[in-house]
N, C-alpha and C. Protein backbone atom coordinates (compact mmCIF):
# COMPACT_ATOMS: atom_id res chain seq x y z
N MET A 1 -39.00 0.15 -16.75
CA MET A 1 -40.10 0.16 -15.79
C MET A 1 -40.14 -1.22 -15.14
N SER A 2 -40.24 -1.22 -13.87
CA SER A 2 -40.20 -2.48 -13.14
C SER A 2 -41.58 -3.14 -13.10
N ASN A 3 -41.59 -4.44 -12.78
CA ASN A 3 -42.85 -5.16 -12.64
C ASN A 3 -43.71 -4.56 -11.55
N ALA A 4 -43.09 -4.06 -10.48
CA ALA A 4 -43.84 -3.45 -9.39
C ALA A 4 -44.62 -2.24 -9.90
N ASN A 5 -44.00 -1.45 -10.76
CA ASN A 5 -44.69 -0.30 -11.34
C ASN A 5 -45.86 -0.73 -12.22
N LEU A 6 -45.65 -1.78 -12.99
CA LEU A 6 -46.72 -2.28 -13.86
C LEU A 6 -47.87 -2.83 -13.03
N ASN A 7 -47.55 -3.58 -11.99
CA ASN A 7 -48.59 -4.13 -11.12
C ASN A 7 -49.37 -3.01 -10.44
N ARG A 8 -48.67 -2.00 -9.95
CA ARG A 8 -49.32 -0.86 -9.29
C ARG A 8 -50.23 -0.14 -10.28
N ALA A 9 -49.76 0.08 -11.49
CA ALA A 9 -50.56 0.76 -12.51
C ALA A 9 -51.78 -0.07 -12.88
N GLY A 10 -51.63 -1.38 -12.95
CA GLY A 10 -52.75 -2.25 -13.26
C GLY A 10 -53.85 -2.16 -12.22
N ARG A 11 -53.44 -2.12 -10.96
CA ARG A 11 -54.42 -1.99 -9.88
C ARG A 11 -55.10 -0.62 -9.91
N ALA A 12 -54.36 0.41 -10.31
CA ALA A 12 -54.89 1.78 -10.34
C ALA A 12 -55.62 2.05 -11.66
N LYS A 13 -55.59 1.09 -12.58
CA LYS A 13 -56.19 1.24 -13.91
C LYS A 13 -55.55 2.38 -14.70
N ALA A 14 -54.32 2.69 -14.40
CA ALA A 14 -53.56 3.70 -15.15
C ALA A 14 -52.55 2.94 -15.99
N ASP A 15 -53.04 2.24 -16.99
CA ASP A 15 -52.19 1.33 -17.74
C ASP A 15 -51.82 1.85 -19.13
N GLU A 16 -51.69 3.14 -19.28
CA GLU A 16 -51.28 3.72 -20.56
C GLU A 16 -49.76 3.77 -20.61
N PHE A 17 -49.16 2.75 -21.20
CA PHE A 17 -47.72 2.69 -21.34
C PHE A 17 -47.39 2.73 -22.82
N TYR A 18 -46.40 3.50 -23.17
CA TYR A 18 -46.03 3.68 -24.56
C TYR A 18 -44.60 3.24 -24.80
N THR A 19 -44.34 2.77 -25.98
CA THR A 19 -43.00 2.37 -26.36
C THR A 19 -42.15 3.63 -26.52
N GLN A 20 -40.98 3.63 -25.94
CA GLN A 20 -40.09 4.78 -26.00
C GLN A 20 -39.34 4.79 -27.33
N LEU A 21 -39.05 5.99 -27.82
CA LEU A 21 -38.33 6.16 -29.07
C LEU A 21 -36.98 5.45 -29.02
N SER A 22 -36.30 5.51 -27.90
CA SER A 22 -34.99 4.85 -27.79
C SER A 22 -35.09 3.34 -27.99
N ASP A 23 -36.18 2.73 -27.53
CA ASP A 23 -36.38 1.28 -27.73
C ASP A 23 -36.65 0.97 -29.20
N ILE A 24 -37.42 1.81 -29.85
CA ILE A 24 -37.72 1.62 -31.27
C ILE A 24 -36.44 1.75 -32.08
N GLU A 25 -35.67 2.80 -31.80
CA GLU A 25 -34.41 3.02 -32.52
C GLU A 25 -33.45 1.85 -32.33
N ARG A 26 -33.33 1.39 -31.11
CA ARG A 26 -32.41 0.29 -30.81
C ARG A 26 -32.78 -0.97 -31.62
N GLU A 27 -34.05 -1.25 -31.72
CA GLU A 27 -34.49 -2.45 -32.45
C GLU A 27 -34.40 -2.27 -33.97
N LEU A 28 -34.89 -1.15 -34.47
CA LEU A 28 -35.01 -0.99 -35.93
C LEU A 28 -33.74 -0.51 -36.61
N GLU A 29 -32.71 -0.20 -35.86
CA GLU A 29 -31.44 0.20 -36.47
C GLU A 29 -30.65 -1.00 -37.00
N ARG A 30 -31.11 -2.19 -36.71
CA ARG A 30 -30.41 -3.39 -37.17
C ARG A 30 -30.48 -3.48 -38.69
N ASP A 31 -29.41 -3.96 -39.31
CA ASP A 31 -29.30 -4.01 -40.76
C ASP A 31 -30.42 -4.79 -41.44
N GLU A 32 -30.87 -5.89 -40.83
CA GLU A 32 -31.90 -6.68 -41.48
C GLU A 32 -33.22 -5.91 -41.60
N TYR A 33 -33.49 -5.00 -40.68
CA TYR A 33 -34.71 -4.19 -40.79
C TYR A 33 -34.57 -3.15 -41.89
N ARG A 34 -33.40 -2.57 -42.03
CA ARG A 34 -33.18 -1.58 -43.10
C ARG A 34 -33.45 -2.23 -44.45
N ALA A 35 -32.95 -3.43 -44.66
CA ALA A 35 -33.18 -4.15 -45.91
C ALA A 35 -34.66 -4.51 -46.06
N PHE A 36 -35.30 -4.91 -44.98
CA PHE A 36 -36.70 -5.31 -45.01
C PHE A 36 -37.62 -4.15 -45.40
N PHE A 37 -37.39 -2.96 -44.86
CA PHE A 37 -38.27 -1.82 -45.11
C PHE A 37 -38.04 -1.14 -46.46
N SER A 38 -36.91 -1.38 -47.09
CA SER A 38 -36.58 -0.72 -48.34
C SER A 38 -37.66 -0.96 -49.42
N GLY A 39 -38.22 0.13 -49.92
CA GLY A 39 -39.23 0.05 -50.98
C GLY A 39 -40.62 -0.34 -50.51
N LYS A 40 -40.84 -0.43 -49.21
CA LYS A 40 -42.12 -0.89 -48.67
C LYS A 40 -43.03 0.27 -48.26
N VAL A 41 -44.32 -0.03 -48.18
CA VAL A 41 -45.31 0.87 -47.61
C VAL A 41 -45.52 0.43 -46.16
N VAL A 42 -45.39 1.35 -45.22
CA VAL A 42 -45.58 1.06 -43.80
C VAL A 42 -46.87 1.72 -43.34
N TYR A 43 -47.74 0.93 -42.73
CA TYR A 43 -49.00 1.43 -42.18
C TYR A 43 -48.92 1.33 -40.66
N CYS A 44 -49.14 2.45 -39.99
CA CYS A 44 -49.04 2.49 -38.53
C CYS A 44 -50.38 2.94 -37.95
N ASN A 45 -51.08 2.02 -37.31
CA ASN A 45 -52.37 2.30 -36.69
C ASN A 45 -52.11 2.62 -35.22
N CYS A 46 -52.43 3.85 -34.82
CA CYS A 46 -52.10 4.32 -33.48
C CYS A 46 -53.33 4.86 -32.76
N GLY A 47 -53.24 4.95 -31.45
CA GLY A 47 -54.29 5.62 -30.70
C GLY A 47 -54.33 7.10 -31.06
N ASP A 48 -53.18 7.75 -31.06
CA ASP A 48 -53.05 9.15 -31.46
C ASP A 48 -51.75 9.28 -32.23
N TRP A 49 -51.83 9.37 -33.54
CA TRP A 49 -50.64 9.38 -34.39
C TRP A 49 -49.75 10.58 -34.09
N ARG A 50 -50.31 11.65 -33.53
CA ARG A 50 -49.52 12.85 -33.25
C ARG A 50 -48.57 12.63 -32.07
N GLN A 51 -48.83 11.63 -31.24
CA GLN A 51 -47.99 11.35 -30.09
C GLN A 51 -47.21 10.04 -30.21
N SER A 52 -47.42 9.30 -31.27
CA SER A 52 -46.80 7.99 -31.44
C SER A 52 -45.30 8.11 -31.73
N GLN A 53 -44.51 7.40 -30.95
CA GLN A 53 -43.07 7.37 -31.18
C GLN A 53 -42.73 6.53 -32.42
N PHE A 54 -43.59 5.58 -32.77
CA PHE A 54 -43.39 4.83 -34.01
C PHE A 54 -43.54 5.76 -35.21
N VAL A 55 -44.56 6.60 -35.19
CA VAL A 55 -44.76 7.58 -36.27
C VAL A 55 -43.54 8.49 -36.35
N ARG A 56 -43.11 8.99 -35.22
CA ARG A 56 -41.94 9.87 -35.19
C ARG A 56 -40.73 9.19 -35.81
N TYR A 57 -40.50 7.92 -35.43
CA TYR A 57 -39.34 7.19 -35.97
C TYR A 57 -39.42 7.06 -37.49
N PHE A 58 -40.57 6.62 -37.99
CA PHE A 58 -40.68 6.40 -39.43
C PHE A 58 -40.65 7.69 -40.24
N VAL A 59 -41.21 8.77 -39.70
CA VAL A 59 -41.15 10.07 -40.38
C VAL A 59 -39.70 10.56 -40.40
N ASP A 60 -39.03 10.49 -39.26
CA ASP A 60 -37.65 10.96 -39.17
C ASP A 60 -36.68 10.13 -40.01
N ASN A 61 -37.01 8.86 -40.24
CA ASN A 61 -36.10 7.95 -40.95
C ASN A 61 -36.64 7.49 -42.30
N PHE A 62 -37.61 8.21 -42.83
CA PHE A 62 -38.25 7.83 -44.10
C PHE A 62 -37.22 7.60 -45.21
N ALA A 63 -36.35 8.57 -45.43
CA ALA A 63 -35.35 8.46 -46.50
C ALA A 63 -34.30 7.40 -46.19
N ALA A 64 -33.83 7.37 -44.95
CA ALA A 64 -32.79 6.41 -44.58
C ALA A 64 -33.27 4.97 -44.72
N LEU A 65 -34.56 4.75 -44.46
CA LEU A 65 -35.14 3.40 -44.61
C LEU A 65 -35.55 3.11 -46.05
N ASN A 66 -35.48 4.11 -46.90
CA ASN A 66 -35.89 4.00 -48.31
C ASN A 66 -37.33 3.50 -48.43
N LEU A 67 -38.22 4.09 -47.61
CA LEU A 67 -39.63 3.70 -47.66
C LEU A 67 -40.30 4.21 -48.93
N LYS A 68 -41.23 3.44 -49.44
CA LYS A 68 -42.02 3.87 -50.59
C LYS A 68 -43.11 4.84 -50.11
N LYS A 69 -43.76 4.50 -48.98
CA LYS A 69 -44.83 5.33 -48.44
C LYS A 69 -44.99 5.00 -46.97
N PHE A 70 -45.43 6.01 -46.20
CA PHE A 70 -45.74 5.82 -44.79
C PHE A 70 -47.13 6.38 -44.52
N ILE A 71 -47.98 5.55 -43.90
CA ILE A 71 -49.36 5.94 -43.58
C ILE A 71 -49.57 5.75 -42.09
N ALA A 72 -50.10 6.78 -41.43
CA ALA A 72 -50.41 6.69 -40.00
C ALA A 72 -51.85 7.11 -39.79
N THR A 73 -52.58 6.33 -39.02
CA THR A 73 -53.95 6.67 -38.67
C THR A 73 -54.11 6.57 -37.17
N GLY A 74 -55.17 7.18 -36.66
CA GLY A 74 -55.43 7.12 -35.23
C GLY A 74 -56.91 7.31 -34.96
N MET A 75 -57.25 7.16 -33.72
CA MET A 75 -58.64 7.32 -33.31
C MET A 75 -58.96 8.80 -33.11
N ASN A 76 -60.15 9.20 -33.47
CA ASN A 76 -60.60 10.55 -33.27
C ASN A 76 -61.15 10.67 -31.87
N SER A 77 -60.50 11.45 -31.01
CA SER A 77 -60.94 11.56 -29.63
C SER A 77 -61.99 12.66 -29.44
N GLY A 78 -62.33 13.37 -30.50
CA GLY A 78 -63.27 14.49 -30.36
C GLY A 78 -64.57 14.15 -30.82
């Protein structure tokens, strides 16, 4: 996303931008992160955990990361 898009969205107050799954995968696939997460509890506080790409990544990679536990919470919009 370009700066022009961000500036336009800021002026329109449509500033809901989310991290893409591909960006999360690219960063967290590094070996040092795999070692870091092994045996750990990960807590992910999200606006809506059902739509969070971070939640999706950690759920999909729970075993590969050797996580002890994964907790996700979010705001109740209802």
